[in-house]
Amino acid sequence: MIGGDRYDVLKFSDTRVAVSIADVVGKGLPAALLMSNLQAAVRAFATSTAAPHDVCGSVNRLLCRNIASGKFVTFCYTVIDLEEGQIAYANAGHNPPIIVRASGQIDRLATTGLVLGVSSDWTYTTGVAPFGPGDRLVCFTNGMTEANSAAEEEFGEDRLAQLAADAPVGSTETLADTLTAAVIAWTDGQAQDDATLIIVERSPV
């Protein structure tokens, strides 16, 4: 199967890693081809010293030269630094990833710029959020949250966030299975769009 979702993980050191997630408008082969170009661009620009807003800006300028009219990509690039205890990120119109604190508090990595592929001169910014012991980062595409029930009700970001907050620390794989199963049950097993989920948890000790 092919589609328009994309994710990647880049390890810069034992304490520093980049996680990115993206979703291209459209489906099938055209979306998959655009996403393959995006992945190559991210790999080229996402160096260990590159700030998230610079990665977004460089990828955006490249896409704007090659993307078809009417197409665009939502994209979020995060750098998790355990020594600094923080996440630095740039969110180009993507569903805001969720940080579930060890305390159960829920924070979101809000948009810091326009979707990719629309404006080549757009300037992105980098946001920073703390990432402490026991905190979890949950990244997802709209195939998770916009999945409709038989009654045409969306699964929704709030429902996903609450399920993540209810899961105990140290259960990342179980949480991924729980969220996936919840979406499948919500749609009665009828897949409606590409759906991608990434969960990163910092050890509580």
Protein backbone atom coordinates (compact mmCIF):
# COMPACT_ATOMS: atom_id res chain seq x y z
CA MET A 1 0.00 0.00 0.00
CA ILE A 2 1.12 3.57 -0.68
CA GLY A 3 -0.03 6.85 0.78
CA GLY A 4 0.76 10.39 1.79
CA ASP A 5 1.81 10.07 5.44
CA ARG A 6 5.46 10.16 6.42
CA TYR A 7 7.50 9.89 9.60
CA ASP A 8 11.19 9.71 10.39
CA VAL A 9 13.54 9.47 13.35
CA LEU A 10 17.12 10.74 13.27
CA LYS A 11 19.56 9.96 16.07
CA PHE A 12 22.16 12.68 16.56
CA SER A 13 23.61 11.32 19.82
CA ASP A 14 22.65 9.15 22.80
CA THR A 15 20.77 12.10 24.30
CA ARG A 16 19.51 13.95 21.22
CA VAL A 17 17.09 12.74 18.55
CA ALA A 18 14.87 14.33 15.90
CA VAL A 19 11.34 13.11 15.19
CA SER A 20 9.34 14.36 12.21
CA ILE A 21 5.87 13.64 10.91
CA ALA A 22 4.08 14.87 7.79
CA ASP A 23 0.90 14.52 5.77
CA VAL A 24 0.45 15.55 2.14
CA VAL A 25 -2.92 16.65 0.78
CA GLY A 26 -4.24 13.93 -1.51
CA LYS A 27 -3.85 10.17 -1.65
CA GLY A 28 -2.31 7.38 -3.69
CA LEU A 29 0.73 7.48 -5.94
CA PRO A 30 0.98 11.29 -6.42
CA ALA A 31 0.92 11.81 -2.64
CA ALA A 32 3.49 9.04 -2.12
CA LEU A 33 5.86 10.51 -4.70
CA LEU A 34 5.65 13.94 -3.11
CA MET A 35 6.28 12.40 0.29
CA SER A 36 9.37 10.59 -0.97
CA ASN A 37 10.76 13.94 -2.13
CA LEU A 38 9.98 15.42 1.28
CA GLN A 39 11.77 12.61 3.08
CA ALA A 40 14.90 13.10 0.99
CA ALA A 41 14.82 16.85 1.66
CA VAL A 42 14.42 16.41 5.41
CA ARG A 43 17.30 13.96 5.51
CA ALA A 44 19.46 16.47 3.64
CA PHE A 45 18.64 19.50 5.78
CA ALA A 46 18.11 17.99 9.25
CA THR A 47 21.69 18.10 10.52
CA SER A 48 22.63 17.92 14.19
CA THR A 49 23.18 21.69 14.31
CA ALA A 50 20.15 22.82 12.26
CA ALA A 51 17.40 24.61 14.17
CA PRO A 52 13.86 23.31 13.55
CA HIS A 53 12.72 26.54 11.89
CA ASP A 54 15.68 26.36 9.49
CA VAL A 55 14.80 22.77 8.55
CA CYS A 56 11.20 23.81 7.85
CA GLY A 57 12.30 26.82 5.82
CA SER A 58 14.78 24.86 3.69
CA VAL A 59 12.35 22.02 3.00
CA ASN A 60 9.58 24.50 2.20
CA ARG A 61 11.65 26.40 -0.35
CA LEU A 62 12.60 23.16 -2.08
CA LEU A 63 9.01 21.91 -2.18
CA CYS A 64 7.72 25.22 -3.51
CA ARG A 65 9.93 24.78 -6.58
CA ASN A 66 8.59 21.31 -7.33
CA ILE A 67 5.08 20.95 -5.94
CA ALA A 68 1.98 20.92 -8.15
CA SER A 69 -0.57 23.70 -7.87
CA GLY A 70 -3.10 23.10 -5.11
CA LYS A 71 -0.88 20.67 -3.22
CA PHE A 72 0.65 21.25 0.20
CA VAL A 73 2.16 19.34 3.10
CA THR A 74 1.60 19.62 6.85
CA PHE A 75 4.84 18.94 8.71
CA CYS A 76 6.21 18.97 12.25
CA TYR A 77 9.91 18.62 13.05
CA THR A 78 10.97 18.13 16.67
CA VAL A 79 14.36 17.77 18.34
CA ILE A 80 14.32 16.03 21.72
CA ASP A 81 17.32 16.93 23.89
CA LEU A 82 17.53 14.95 27.11
CA GLU A 83 20.47 16.91 28.49
CA GLU A 84 18.55 20.17 28.11
CA GLY A 85 15.29 18.49 29.14
CA GLN A 86 13.36 20.07 26.31
CA ILE A 87 11.79 19.70 22.88
CA ALA A 88 12.57 22.29 20.21
CA TYR A 89 10.11 22.19 17.34
CA ALA A 90 8.70 23.84 14.24
CA ASN A 91 5.14 22.99 13.24
CA ALA A 92 4.16 23.80 9.66
CA GLY A 93 0.39 23.54 9.96
CA HIS A 94 0.39 19.97 11.24
CA ASN A 95 -1.94 18.54 13.89
CA PRO A 96 -0.31 19.78 17.12
CA PRO A 97 1.61 16.90 18.70
CA ILE A 98 0.64 16.25 22.31
CA ILE A 99 2.95 16.21 25.30
CA VAL A 100 1.47 14.19 28.14
CA ARG A 101 3.25 15.16 31.34
CA ALA A 102 4.07 12.59 34.01
CA SER A 103 1.53 14.50 36.12
CA GLY A 104 -1.19 13.88 33.52
CA GLN A 105 -1.18 17.47 32.25
CA ILE A 106 -1.62 17.81 28.49
CA ASP A 107 0.29 20.36 26.39
CA ARG A 108 0.36 20.82 22.61
CA LEU A 109 3.08 21.85 20.16
CA ALA A 110 1.13 24.60 18.43
CA THR A 111 1.59 25.74 14.84
CA THR A 112 4.64 27.94 14.25
CA GLY A 113 4.23 28.51 10.52
CA LEU A 114 2.33 27.91 7.28
CA VAL A 115 1.95 24.49 5.64
CA LEU A 116 4.82 23.55 3.30
CA GLY A 117 4.63 24.17 -0.43
CA VAL A 118 2.51 27.34 -0.47
CA SER A 119 4.82 30.31 0.11
CA SER A 120 8.55 30.04 -0.58
CA ASP A 121 9.42 33.14 1.44
CA TRP A 122 7.53 32.14 4.58
CA THR A 123 9.57 32.51 7.78
CA TYR A 124 9.13 29.79 10.39
CA THR A 125 9.85 30.01 14.11
CA THR A 126 11.08 27.48 16.65
CA GLY A 127 9.07 26.74 19.76
CA VAL A 128 10.47 25.18 22.93
CA ALA A 129 8.71 22.99 25.48
CA PRO A 130 10.06 21.18 28.56
CA PHE A 131 10.37 17.40 28.34
CA GLY A 132 10.98 15.88 31.75
CA PRO A 133 11.19 12.36 33.19
CA GLY A 134 8.02 10.39 32.48
CA ASP A 135 6.78 12.84 29.84
CA ARG A 136 5.46 11.43 26.54
CA LEU A 137 5.36 12.99 23.08
CA VAL A 138 2.48 11.78 20.91
CA CYS A 139 2.67 12.69 17.20
CA PHE A 140 -0.12 11.75 14.80
CA THR A 141 -1.72 12.53 11.44
CA ASN A 142 -5.33 13.48 10.86
CA GLY A 143 -6.15 9.94 9.83
CA MET A 144 -6.28 9.25 13.57
CA THR A 145 -8.28 12.22 14.80
CA GLU A 146 -10.56 12.81 11.81
CA ALA A 147 -11.69 9.19 11.62
CA ASN A 148 -15.51 9.16 11.54
CA SER A 149 -17.90 6.88 13.38
CA ALA A 150 -21.02 5.47 11.72
CA ALA A 151 -22.80 8.55 13.05
CA GLU A 152 -20.29 10.82 11.22
CA GLU A 153 -18.64 11.99 14.45
CA GLU A 154 -14.88 12.52 14.42
CA PHE A 155 -12.66 10.66 16.87
CA GLY A 156 -11.07 14.01 17.73
CA GLU A 157 -7.85 15.28 19.27
CA ASP A 158 -9.35 15.65 22.74
CA ARG A 159 -10.35 11.98 22.88
CA LEU A 160 -6.90 10.90 21.72
CA ALA A 161 -5.23 13.17 24.28
CA GLN A 162 -7.36 11.88 27.13
CA LEU A 163 -6.63 8.24 26.29
CA ALA A 164 -2.92 9.11 26.26
CA ALA A 165 -3.19 10.90 29.61
CA ASP A 166 -5.00 7.94 31.17
CA ALA A 167 -2.21 5.50 30.27
CA PRO A 168 0.40 4.86 32.98
CA VAL A 169 4.01 5.89 32.48
CA GLY A 170 6.16 3.12 31.04
CA SER A 171 3.53 1.67 28.72
CA THR A 172 4.44 3.19 25.36
CA GLU A 173 3.78 0.10 23.24
CA THR A 174 0.54 -0.58 25.09
CA LEU A 175 -0.54 3.04 24.58
CA ALA A 176 0.15 2.82 20.84
CA ASP A 177 -1.92 -0.35 20.64
CA THR A 178 -4.70 1.23 22.71
CA LEU A 179 -4.94 4.35 20.56
CA THR A 180 -4.86 2.37 17.34
CA ALA A 181 -7.52 -0.06 18.58
CA ALA A 182 -9.70 2.83 19.76
CA VAL A 183 -9.67 4.44 16.30
CA ILE A 184 -10.39 1.11 14.59
CA ALA A 185 -13.31 0.48 16.94
CA TRP A 186 -14.60 4.04 16.41
CA THR A 187 -14.78 3.48 12.64
CA ASP A 188 -16.02 -0.13 12.87
CA GLY A 189 -12.83 -1.16 11.14
CA GLN A 190 -13.43 1.02 8.07
CA ALA A 191 -10.16 2.74 7.18
CA GLN A 192 -10.85 6.22 5.79
CA ASP A 193 -7.39 7.78 5.44
CA ASP A 194 -3.72 7.12 6.06
CA ALA A 195 -3.09 7.13 9.82
CA THR A 196 0.28 7.50 11.51
CA LEU A 197 1.16 7.49 15.20
CA ILE A 198 4.53 8.03 16.94
CA ILE A 199 5.00 7.95 20.71
CA VAL A 200 8.24 8.89 22.48
CA GLU A 201 8.51 8.54 26.24
CA ARG A 202 11.30 9.79 28.46
CA SER A 203 12.28 7.33 31.15
CA PRO A 204 10.84 8.36 34.53
CA VAL A 205 14.23 7.78 36.20
